[in-house]
Amino acid sequence: MRTQAADHPRVIQGGMGVGVSGWQLARAVSQAGQLGVVSGIALDQVYARQLQLGDPGGHVRRAFASFPRQHVVERALARYFVEGGKPADRPFVALPMRAVQMAPEVLELLILANFAEVFLAKEGHSGQVGINYLYKIQMPLLASLYGAMLGGVDYVLVGAGSPAPVPEILTRLARHDDVTLDLHVFYASADQRFSSELSPRALMGNDPPPVKRPQMLAIVSSVDLATALASGPAEPPDGFVIEGPTAGGHNAPPRGPRSLDAQGQPIYGPRDEVDLEAFRRLGRPFWLAGSYGSAAQLKRALEIGAVGIQVGTAFALCRESGLDPQLKARLLEEVRSGGLCVFTDPRASPSGFPFKVVQLAGTLGDSAVFAARPKMCDVGELRMPYVTPQGGLGYSCPAESEKVYQLKGGRPQNTEGRMCLCNGLLATIGLGQHRSSGYDEPPLVTGGDALSDVARFMPQGETTYSAADVLESILGVRPETVDAHE
């Protein structure tokens, strides 16, 4: 049974980066009565590295203790937990790279990490929690979704592609049925089909714990895609987030011929404007995103017919966000001085989508730092499968070294300007890799066009602000904490 529009939140806190919208931020927003959203990207990496740091605060192990299959937890702790934390000069242990068919221990860690992130975000209150995924990252999606559902997630938000199969997958996972997801594989012939598969009962046993089906919101930038999702043969989404090109992270590319402005940023035009009247006719709740983080924009969204707004950038620099504290302090100082610049880079992301990069010294947004980084791919969130000339499967990423990429049949021009989002975003939350050579991975900061305006959320005389300050500014009242669990 679908919920009525009145039951939906006015404000959705965006699912940002790798760990920026972590459980602490989502929990704060959900406790305030709105929808806190955790990022579901690379959670296995985040949790494995937290365990190798000794699990500061004990949060990971506390969440794991509630997982319904403790033998799975015991295996993960044996592999990754380091009592007291690893030495600072020792690299993090690398996880197995993504593959079309992944080993059981890989699937277990994905399920565990997604479960734990949702569990911690929901802990101690009755507010709703969502999780955000990129459809472009397909190979870990099924296990990630199932883990989040075991954690009790209320909403699943999916963008960066056409997530048509996801609603039915959620319905099947709620019954613990086997699920399959067709994968995009480069150079596959018309008669070749590759898929990712997950059997919940094979992992959890024949008596798995009950789970509910979460609401599914598709993140879209055009009414064409939304119409296809809402009226196609597949089970439709429960609603939409309409995201404009001023939002942080990945943006949809402009429609029509590619053109760049004088700075080298994609130019968006009239064809990229969304027909909101057409969205209203779809008869499903929708939220507006991309520079909507103000009371005036919320009022405008409601008048247009939206249920509310999604706000990301405003929360990215609040006290509860997962950004490394020292990096966050630098960013806030730059905001206050008016020196922060956000560049929509058409080349940075290996995914091919435009990606917002904050131009900050010492990060990958600094051209000298980017040029000095040795190119490699050893995390692999964005690497893609392809059919080799011998008929087997290979994996490539245009952010890996040009030589390696060419050996796999890739064109060298595809590597130009590509940044390693995986290593960079992990470093942004303080989990950057330390190489045995002594090299430390630099952070990569993303943010929307509204990043330079976040100083308005700071209370008078303060140099930081909280998630509650953001909500008070947008909603006009100080949010009250929702009822706690008894």
Protein backbone atom coordinates (compact mmCIF):
# COMPACT_ATOMS: atom_id res chain seq x y z
CA MET A 1 0.00 0.00 0.00
CA ARG A 2 1.44 3.37 -1.03
CA THR A 3 1.67 6.16 1.51
CA GLN A 4 -0.27 9.38 0.96
CA ALA A 5 1.59 12.60 0.10
CA ALA A 6 0.84 13.98 3.56
CA ASP A 7 2.89 11.18 5.08
CA HIS A 8 6.02 12.14 3.15
CA PRO A 9 8.72 14.47 4.52
CA ARG A 10 8.94 18.11 3.47
CA VAL A 11 12.74 17.95 3.45
CA ILE A 12 14.90 15.10 2.19
CA GLN A 13 18.53 15.40 3.23
CA GLY A 14 20.54 14.38 0.18
CA GLY A 15 22.67 11.23 0.10
CA MET A 16 26.12 12.70 -0.54
CA GLY A 17 29.46 11.32 -1.62
CA VAL A 18 31.06 8.43 0.22
CA GLY A 19 30.18 8.77 3.88
CA VAL A 20 29.55 12.54 3.86
CA SER A 21 25.89 11.84 4.55
CA GLY A 22 26.79 9.19 7.08
CA TRP A 23 24.60 7.76 9.80
CA GLN A 24 25.32 10.61 12.25
CA LEU A 25 23.92 13.21 9.83
CA ALA A 26 20.97 11.10 8.72
CA ARG A 27 20.12 10.31 12.32
CA ALA A 28 20.12 14.02 13.27
CA VAL A 29 17.81 14.90 10.37
CA SER A 30 15.49 11.96 11.01
CA GLN A 31 15.28 12.77 14.71
CA ALA A 32 14.15 16.24 13.64
CA GLY A 33 11.19 14.76 11.77
CA GLN A 34 12.51 14.97 8.20
CA LEU A 35 14.07 12.28 5.98
CA GLY A 36 17.71 11.63 6.82
CA VAL A 37 19.48 9.77 4.01
CA VAL A 38 22.73 7.84 4.19
CA SER A 39 24.93 7.33 1.17
CA GLY A 40 25.05 3.68 0.14
CA ILE A 41 28.19 4.11 -1.97
CA ALA A 42 31.28 2.08 -0.98
CA LEU A 43 29.95 1.26 2.48
CA ASP A 44 31.91 -1.98 2.51
CA GLN A 45 35.10 0.07 2.08
CA VAL A 46 34.03 2.52 4.80
CA TYR A 47 33.25 -0.19 7.33
CA ALA A 48 36.31 -2.32 6.56
CA ARG A 49 38.53 0.72 7.08
CA GLN A 50 36.75 1.78 10.25
CA LEU A 51 37.34 -1.71 11.63
CA GLN A 52 41.02 -1.51 10.69
CA LEU A 53 41.22 1.75 12.65
CA GLY A 54 40.00 -0.15 15.71
CA ASP A 55 36.32 0.87 15.38
CA PRO A 56 36.55 4.25 17.18
CA GLY A 57 33.56 4.61 19.52
CA GLY A 58 32.58 0.97 18.98
CA HIS A 59 29.73 1.96 16.66
CA VAL A 60 30.44 -0.64 13.96
CA ARG A 61 30.53 -3.53 16.39
CA ARG A 62 27.42 -2.23 18.19
CA ALA A 63 25.50 -2.28 14.92
CA PHE A 64 26.95 -5.64 13.92
CA ALA A 65 25.79 -7.09 17.23
CA SER A 66 22.19 -6.62 16.05
CA PHE A 67 22.69 -8.36 12.72
CA PRO A 68 20.49 -11.49 12.63
CA ARG A 69 23.28 -13.87 11.57
CA GLN A 70 26.23 -13.58 13.93
CA HIS A 71 28.39 -16.10 12.09
CA VAL A 72 28.53 -13.55 9.25
CA VAL A 73 29.67 -10.88 11.71
CA GLU A 74 32.34 -13.16 13.17
CA ARG A 75 33.85 -13.74 9.73
CA ALA A 76 33.94 -10.00 8.93
CA LEU A 77 35.53 -9.10 12.26
CA ALA A 78 38.14 -11.82 11.85
CA ARG A 79 39.10 -10.41 8.44
CA TYR A 80 39.17 -6.68 9.18
CA PHE A 81 39.04 -5.72 12.87
CA VAL A 82 42.34 -4.52 14.34
CA GLU A 83 42.28 -4.08 18.12
CA GLY A 84 43.58 -0.58 18.88
CA GLY A 85 43.83 0.26 15.19
CA LYS A 86 46.45 -0.37 12.53
CA PRO A 87 49.75 1.59 12.60
CA ALA A 88 49.40 4.94 10.82
CA ASP A 89 52.15 4.04 8.35
CA ARG A 90 50.50 0.77 7.29
CA PRO A 91 48.09 0.76 4.32
CA PHE A 92 44.50 -0.35 4.68
CA VAL A 93 43.94 -3.94 3.60
CA ALA A 94 42.47 -3.91 0.10
CA LEU A 95 39.03 -5.45 -0.42
CA PRO A 96 38.37 -7.79 -3.34
CA MET A 97 37.49 -5.80 -6.45
CA ARG A 98 33.94 -5.73 -7.79
CA ALA A 99 32.99 -8.49 -10.22
CA VAL A 100 29.87 -9.70 -12.01
CA GLN A 101 29.88 -12.77 -9.78
CA MET A 102 31.19 -11.94 -6.31
CA ALA A 103 32.45 -14.30 -3.63
CA PRO A 104 30.19 -14.92 -0.60
CA GLU A 105 32.50 -12.97 1.74
CA VAL A 106 32.18 -9.91 -0.55
CA LEU A 107 28.40 -10.14 -0.54
CA GLU A 108 28.38 -10.63 3.23
CA LEU A 109 30.37 -7.45 3.87
CA LEU A 110 28.14 -5.45 1.53
CA ILE A 111 25.03 -6.70 3.32
CA LEU A 112 26.57 -6.11 6.75
CA ALA A 113 27.77 -2.59 5.99
CA ASN A 114 24.47 -1.44 4.50
CA PHE A 115 22.58 -3.01 7.40
CA ALA A 116 24.81 -1.28 9.94
CA GLU A 117 24.63 2.17 8.33
CA VAL A 118 20.83 2.11 8.33
CA PHE A 119 20.69 0.55 11.82
CA LEU A 120 22.85 3.31 13.29
CA ALA A 121 20.89 6.05 11.51
CA LYS A 122 17.61 4.66 12.93
CA GLU A 123 18.93 3.87 16.39
CA GLY A 124 17.02 5.36 19.32
CA HIS A 125 14.21 7.20 17.53
CA SER A 126 11.13 6.57 15.39
CA GLY A 127 12.00 8.85 12.45
CA GLN A 128 12.34 7.62 8.89
CA VAL A 129 15.68 6.92 7.18
CA GLY A 130 16.56 6.58 3.51
CA ILE A 131 19.57 5.36 1.57
CA ASN A 132 20.94 6.65 -1.73
CA TYR A 133 22.55 4.62 -4.55
CA LEU A 134 23.93 5.32 -8.01
CA TYR A 135 22.38 3.00 -10.59
CA LYS A 136 25.59 3.37 -12.58
CA ILE A 137 27.24 1.25 -9.86
CA GLN A 138 25.37 -1.96 -10.59
CA MET A 139 27.47 -4.90 -9.42
CA PRO A 140 27.07 -4.37 -5.63
CA LEU A 141 23.50 -3.07 -5.81
CA LEU A 142 21.49 -6.21 -4.99
CA ALA A 143 23.45 -7.08 -1.84
CA SER A 144 23.48 -3.42 -0.77
CA LEU A 145 19.70 -3.12 -1.12
CA TYR A 146 19.10 -6.31 0.85
CA GLY A 147 21.40 -5.20 3.66
CA ALA A 148 19.64 -1.84 3.91
CA MET A 149 16.26 -3.58 4.03
CA LEU A 150 17.46 -5.87 6.83
CA GLY A 151 18.36 -2.66 8.66
CA GLY A 152 14.80 -1.36 8.28
CA VAL A 153 15.35 1.35 5.66
CA ASP A 154 12.21 3.38 4.86
CA TYR A 155 13.17 4.94 1.51
CA VAL A 156 15.56 3.95 -1.26
CA LEU A 157 16.67 6.72 -3.64
CA VAL A 158 18.42 5.80 -6.90
CA GLY A 159 19.87 8.10 -9.57
CA ALA A 160 22.59 8.23 -12.24
CA GLY A 161 20.77 6.11 -14.78
CA SER A 162 17.39 4.53 -15.37
CA PRO A 163 16.57 2.43 -12.29
CA ALA A 164 13.54 0.72 -13.83
CA PRO A 165 14.23 -2.73 -12.28
CA VAL A 166 14.67 -1.45 -8.72
CA PRO A 167 11.02 -1.26 -7.53
CA GLU A 168 10.34 -4.90 -8.43
CA ILE A 169 13.67 -5.94 -6.88
CA LEU A 170 12.61 -4.31 -3.61
CA THR A 171 9.27 -6.10 -3.74
CA ARG A 172 10.97 -9.45 -4.27
CA LEU A 173 13.62 -8.84 -1.60
CA ALA A 174 10.87 -8.07 0.90
CA ARG A 175 9.82 -11.71 0.38
CA HIS A 176 13.47 -12.89 0.45
CA ASP A 177 13.03 -14.13 -3.13
CA ASP A 178 16.00 -14.60 -5.45
CA VAL A 179 16.68 -11.50 -7.54
CA THR A 180 18.55 -10.81 -10.77
CA LEU A 181 19.80 -7.54 -12.27
CA ASP A 182 20.84 -7.32 -15.91
CA LEU A 183 24.20 -5.57 -16.19
CA HIS A 184 25.58 -3.24 -18.80
CA VAL A 185 28.72 -4.88 -20.22
CA PHE A 186 30.80 -3.16 -22.87
CA TYR A 187 31.38 -4.98 -26.17
CA ALA A 188 28.76 -7.62 -25.36
CA SER A 189 27.03 -8.99 -28.44
CA ALA A 190 23.26 -8.94 -28.87
CA ASP A 191 22.97 -12.57 -27.77
CA GLN A 192 25.15 -12.17 -24.66
CA ARG A 193 23.45 -11.48 -21.35
CA PHE A 194 25.24 -10.80 -18.10
CA SER A 195 23.55 -10.41 -14.75
CA SER A 196 24.15 -10.02 -11.06
CA GLU A 197 22.27 -12.46 -8.84
CA LEU A 198 21.44 -12.67 -5.16
CA SER A 199 19.79 -15.47 -3.21
CA PRO A 200 18.81 -14.09 0.21
CA ARG A 201 17.96 -17.51 1.63
CA ALA A 202 21.31 -18.93 0.55
CA LEU A 203 22.97 -16.21 2.64
CA MET A 204 20.50 -15.96 5.52
CA GLY A 205 19.07 -19.46 5.72
CA ASN A 206 15.54 -20.71 5.18
CA ASP A 207 14.12 -18.70 8.10
CA PRO A 208 15.23 -15.13 7.34
CA PRO A 209 14.02 -12.23 9.52
CA PRO A 210 11.00 -10.26 8.27
CA VAL A 211 11.72 -7.10 6.27
CA LYS A 212 9.46 -4.41 4.85
CA ARG A 213 9.49 -3.00 1.34
CA PRO A 214 10.79 0.59 1.42
CA GLN A 215 9.42 3.40 -0.72
CA MET A 216 11.50 3.83 -3.88
CA LEU A 217 12.25 7.32 -5.24
CA ALA A 218 13.89 7.65 -8.65
CA ILE A 219 16.24 10.63 -8.99
CA VAL A 220 15.66 12.05 -12.47
CA SER A 221 16.38 15.20 -14.45
CA SER A 222 13.81 14.86 -17.24
CA VAL A 223 10.11 14.20 -17.53
CA ASP A 224 10.84 11.74 -20.36
CA LEU A 225 12.65 9.35 -18.03
CA ALA A 226 10.08 9.83 -15.28
CA THR A 227 7.22 9.09 -17.70
CA ALA A 228 8.95 5.95 -18.95
CA LEU A 229 9.47 4.76 -15.38
CA ALA A 230 5.93 5.59 -14.29
CA SER A 231 4.11 4.09 -17.27
CA GLY A 232 6.46 1.35 -18.49
CA PRO A 233 5.93 -2.38 -18.08
CA ALA A 234 8.06 -2.59 -14.92
CA GLU A 235 6.79 -1.83 -11.42
CA PRO A 236 6.90 1.99 -11.13
CA PRO A 237 8.76 4.07 -8.56
CA ASP A 238 6.78 5.42 -5.60
CA GLY A 239 7.92 8.97 -6.37
CA PHE A 240 10.60 11.15 -7.91
CA VAL A 241 13.34 13.54 -6.93
CA ILE A 242 13.82 16.03 -9.77
CA GLU A 243 17.44 17.10 -9.61
CA GLY A 244 18.77 20.14 -11.46
CA PRO A 245 22.33 20.75 -12.68
CA THR A 246 23.24 23.00 -9.75
CA ALA A 247 23.18 20.03 -7.33
CA GLY A 248 26.45 18.62 -6.01
CA GLY A 249 28.13 15.37 -7.03
CA HIS A 250 27.11 13.85 -10.36
CA ASN A 251 24.85 15.84 -12.67
CA ALA A 252 22.92 14.63 -15.69
CA PRO A 253 24.64 15.75 -18.90
CA PRO A 254 22.97 18.52 -20.91
CA ARG A 255 20.49 17.37 -23.53
CA GLY A 256 21.47 17.88 -27.14
CA PRO A 257 24.91 18.59 -28.63
CA ARG A 258 27.67 19.00 -26.08
CA SER A 259 28.92 22.56 -25.58
CA LEU A 260 31.14 24.13 -22.92
CA ASP A 261 31.37 27.64 -21.52
CA ALA A 262 34.56 29.72 -21.38
CA GLN A 263 35.66 27.91 -18.19
CA GLY A 264 35.09 24.48 -19.73
CA GLN A 265 31.82 23.66 -17.93
CA PRO A 266 28.81 22.07 -19.66
CA ILE A 267 26.21 24.54 -20.83
CA TYR A 268 22.62 23.78 -19.86
CA GLY A 269 19.83 25.33 -21.87
CA PRO A 270 16.05 25.39 -22.39
CA ARG A 271 15.95 21.68 -23.28
CA ASP A 272 17.20 20.91 -19.77
CA GLU A 273 14.33 22.77 -18.08
CA VAL A 274 11.84 20.39 -16.48
CA ASP A 275 8.12 20.52 -17.31
CA LEU A 276 6.73 20.37 -13.77
CA GLU A 277 3.13 20.35 -14.99
CA ALA A 278 3.92 17.07 -16.75
CA PHE A 279 5.28 15.74 -13.45
CA ARG A 280 2.06 16.66 -11.69
CA ARG A 281 0.12 14.70 -14.30
CA LEU A 282 2.10 11.56 -13.43
CA GLY A 283 0.20 11.50 -10.15
CA ARG A 284 3.17 10.55 -7.97
CA PRO A 285 4.83 12.57 -5.23
CA PHE A 286 7.93 14.50 -6.25
CA TRP A 287 10.59 16.64 -4.62
CA LEU A 288 12.73 19.36 -6.21
CA ALA A 289 16.52 19.36 -5.79
CA GLY A 290 19.41 21.59 -6.80
CA SER A 291 19.76 24.94 -4.96
CA TYR A 292 16.41 24.54 -3.18
CA GLY A 293 17.78 24.84 0.37
CA SER A 294 15.83 27.85 1.57
CA ALA A 295 12.41 28.70 2.98
CA ALA A 296 11.55 30.66 -0.18
CA GLN A 297 12.45 27.73 -2.42
CA LEU A 298 10.46 25.30 -0.27
CA LYS A 299 7.45 27.61 -0.53
CA ARG A 300 7.91 27.79 -4.30
CA ALA A 301 8.21 24.00 -4.58
CA LEU A 302 5.01 23.45 -2.63
CA GLU A 303 3.15 26.00 -4.75
CA ILE A 304 4.30 24.20 -7.90
CA GLY A 305 2.86 20.95 -6.58
CA ALA A 306 5.91 19.24 -5.13
CA VAL A 307 5.71 17.38 -1.82
CA GLY A 308 8.90 19.12 -0.73
CA ILE A 309 12.59 19.56 -1.51
CA GLN A 310 15.82 17.61 -1.34
CA VAL A 311 18.72 19.51 0.21
CA GLY A 312 22.30 18.28 0.06
CA THR A 313 24.97 20.98 -0.01
CA ALA A 314 23.60 22.83 3.02
CA PHE A 315 24.04 19.70 5.14
CA ALA A 316 27.47 18.79 3.72
CA LEU A 317 29.33 21.25 5.94
CA CYS A 318 27.20 20.96 9.08
CA ARG A 319 28.71 19.55 12.26
CA GLU A 320 27.10 16.12 11.84
CA SER A 321 28.35 15.48 8.29
CA GLY A 322 31.06 12.90 7.68
CA LEU A 323 33.59 15.29 6.14
CA ASP A 324 37.02 15.13 7.77
CA PRO A 325 36.85 17.79 10.55
CA GLN A 326 40.02 19.61 9.47
CA LEU A 327 38.90 19.68 5.85
CA LYS A 328 35.45 20.89 6.90
CA ALA A 329 37.01 23.72 8.94
CA ARG A 330 39.06 24.80 5.91
CA LEU A 331 35.98 24.76 3.69
CA LEU A 332 33.96 26.83 6.15
CA GLU A 333 36.81 29.35 6.39
CA GLU A 334 36.86 29.63 2.59
CA VAL A 335 33.07 30.09 2.58
CA ARG A 336 33.29 32.92 5.10
CA SER A 337 36.03 34.65 3.10
CA GLY A 338 34.14 34.23 -0.17
CA GLY A 339 36.95 32.36 -1.87
CA LEU A 340 35.31 29.02 -2.62
CA CYS A 341 34.73 27.96 -6.23
CA VAL A 342 32.79 24.95 -7.54
CA PHE A 343 33.61 23.71 -11.04
CA THR A 344 31.28 21.45 -13.02
CA ASP A 345 33.88 19.17 -14.55
CA PRO A 346 32.76 17.25 -17.65
CA ARG A 347 35.80 14.95 -17.48
CA ALA A 348 36.49 14.23 -13.79
CA SER A 349 34.17 11.28 -13.21
CA PRO A 350 35.01 7.90 -14.78
CA SER A 351 31.24 7.42 -15.10
CA GLY A 352 31.03 9.98 -17.90
CA PHE A 353 28.56 12.16 -15.98
CA PRO A 354 29.53 15.79 -15.20
CA PHE A 355 30.81 16.04 -11.63
CA LYS A 356 31.01 19.05 -9.33
CA VAL A 357 34.57 19.57 -8.01
CA VAL A 358 35.40 22.12 -5.29
CA GLN A 359 38.58 24.03 -6.18
CA LEU A 360 40.47 23.75 -2.89
CA ALA A 361 44.25 23.75 -2.44
CA GLY A 362 45.68 20.39 -1.41
CA THR A 363 42.79 18.40 -2.88
CA LEU A 364 42.24 16.82 -6.29
CA GLY A 365 40.48 20.03 -7.26
CA ASP A 366 43.97 21.60 -7.20
CA SER A 367 45.53 21.01 -10.65
CA ALA A 368 49.01 20.49 -9.20
CA VAL A 369 47.76 17.83 -6.77
CA PHE A 370 45.82 16.09 -9.54
CA ALA A 371 48.85 16.07 -11.85
CA ALA A 372 51.11 14.61 -9.13
CA ARG A 373 48.81 11.69 -8.25
CA PRO A 374 49.91 8.30 -9.64
CA LYS A 375 47.01 6.94 -11.68
CA MET A 376 45.67 3.61 -10.46
CA CYS A 377 42.40 1.81 -9.78
CA ASP A 378 42.45 -0.31 -6.62
CA VAL A 379 39.00 0.36 -5.12
CA GLY A 380 36.96 -0.14 -8.27
CA GLU A 381 33.50 1.26 -7.46
CA LEU A 382 33.21 2.78 -10.93
CA ARG A 383 35.04 0.21 -13.01
CA MET A 384 32.94 -1.40 -15.70
CA PRO A 385 32.86 -4.96 -17.07
CA TYR A 386 33.66 -5.63 -20.71
CA VAL A 387 33.93 -8.65 -22.98
CA THR A 388 37.53 -9.41 -23.86
CA PRO A 389 38.61 -10.42 -27.38
CA GLN A 390 38.90 -13.97 -26.05
CA GLY A 391 35.26 -13.91 -24.93
CA GLY A 392 35.89 -13.61 -21.20
CA LEU A 393 35.10 -10.77 -18.83
CA GLY A 394 37.47 -7.96 -17.96
CA TYR A 395 37.09 -4.77 -15.92
CA SER A 396 38.33 -1.28 -16.67
CA CYS A 397 38.15 2.28 -15.39
CA PRO A 398 39.28 5.37 -17.32
CA ALA A 399 40.82 6.71 -14.10
CA GLU A 400 43.38 3.89 -14.05
CA SER A 401 46.76 4.35 -15.71
CA GLU A 402 46.62 5.15 -19.40
CA LYS A 403 48.89 2.19 -20.20
CA VAL A 404 46.71 -0.32 -18.34
CA TYR A 405 43.54 1.15 -19.83
CA GLN A 406 44.95 0.88 -23.36
CA LEU A 407 46.02 -2.73 -22.80
CA LYS A 408 42.36 -3.47 -22.07
CA GLY A 409 41.31 -1.96 -25.38
CA GLY A 410 40.35 1.48 -24.09
CA ARG A 411 41.06 4.67 -26.02
CA PRO A 412 43.76 6.82 -24.37
CA GLN A 413 41.73 10.03 -24.79
CA ASN A 414 39.12 8.55 -22.44
CA THR A 415 41.62 8.79 -19.57
CA GLU A 416 42.29 12.52 -19.98
CA GLY A 417 41.23 14.52 -16.93
CA ARG A 418 39.73 11.53 -15.13
CA MET A 419 39.95 11.60 -11.34
CA CYS A 420 39.89 8.62 -8.99
CA LEU A 421 36.62 9.37 -7.24
CA CYS A 422 36.88 6.24 -5.11
CA ASN A 423 40.17 7.05 -3.37
CA GLY A 424 39.47 10.79 -3.34
CA LEU A 425 36.06 10.56 -1.70
CA LEU A 426 37.29 8.08 0.91
CA ALA A 427 40.09 10.52 1.78
CA THR A 428 37.50 13.30 2.13
CA ILE A 429 35.98 11.51 5.13
CA GLY A 430 39.34 10.75 6.73
CA LEU A 431 39.69 7.21 5.34
CA GLY A 432 42.26 7.87 2.64
CA GLN A 433 44.73 5.17 1.68
CA HIS A 434 48.34 5.47 2.85
CA ARG A 435 50.59 3.87 0.24
CA SER A 436 53.61 1.77 1.19
CA SER A 437 55.63 4.29 -0.86
CA GLY A 438 54.67 6.97 1.65
CA TYR A 439 52.09 8.62 -0.62
CA ASP A 440 48.77 9.62 0.97
CA GLU A 441 45.70 9.78 -1.24
CA PRO A 442 44.42 13.39 -1.43
CA PRO A 443 40.76 14.24 -0.80
CA LEU A 444 38.25 15.17 -3.49
CA VAL A 445 35.52 17.56 -2.38
CA THR A 446 32.23 17.93 -4.19
CA GLY A 447 29.40 20.37 -3.53
CA GLY A 448 26.57 22.12 -5.29
CA ASP A 449 26.51 25.67 -6.60
CA ALA A 450 24.96 26.73 -3.28
CA LEU A 451 28.14 25.81 -1.37
CA SER A 452 29.35 29.41 -1.21
CA ASP A 453 26.09 30.40 0.53
CA VAL A 454 26.15 28.02 3.52
CA ALA A 455 27.49 30.67 5.91
CA ARG A 456 23.91 31.90 6.30
CA PHE A 457 23.13 28.81 8.38
CA MET A 458 25.64 29.78 11.07
CA PRO A 459 24.07 31.28 14.19
CA GLN A 460 25.31 34.77 14.97
CA GLY A 461 28.80 34.68 16.43
CA GLU A 462 29.36 31.01 15.48
CA THR A 463 31.79 29.54 12.95
CA THR A 464 29.95 26.23 12.52
CA TYR A 465 26.34 25.13 12.26
CA SER A 466 24.21 22.03 12.85
CA ALA A 467 21.69 20.05 10.86
CA ALA A 468 19.00 21.56 13.09
CA ASP A 469 20.18 25.05 12.10
CA VAL A 470 19.67 24.13 8.42
CA LEU A 471 16.18 22.79 9.06
CA GLU A 472 15.20 25.80 11.16
CA SER A 473 16.28 28.13 8.35
CA ILE A 474 14.27 26.19 5.77
CA LEU A 475 11.16 25.33 7.82
CA GLY A 476 10.98 28.55 9.83
CA VAL A 477 10.80 26.77 13.19
CA ARG A 478 13.30 24.93 15.33
CA PRO A 479 12.63 21.22 14.69
CA GLU A 480 11.49 19.09 17.59
CA THR A 481 12.88 15.63 18.14
CA VAL A 482 10.55 12.82 17.07
CA ASP A 483 9.45 10.28 19.66
CA ALA A 484 12.21 7.97 20.82
CA HIS A 485 11.86 4.22 20.77
CA GLU A 486 10.82 2.84 24.10
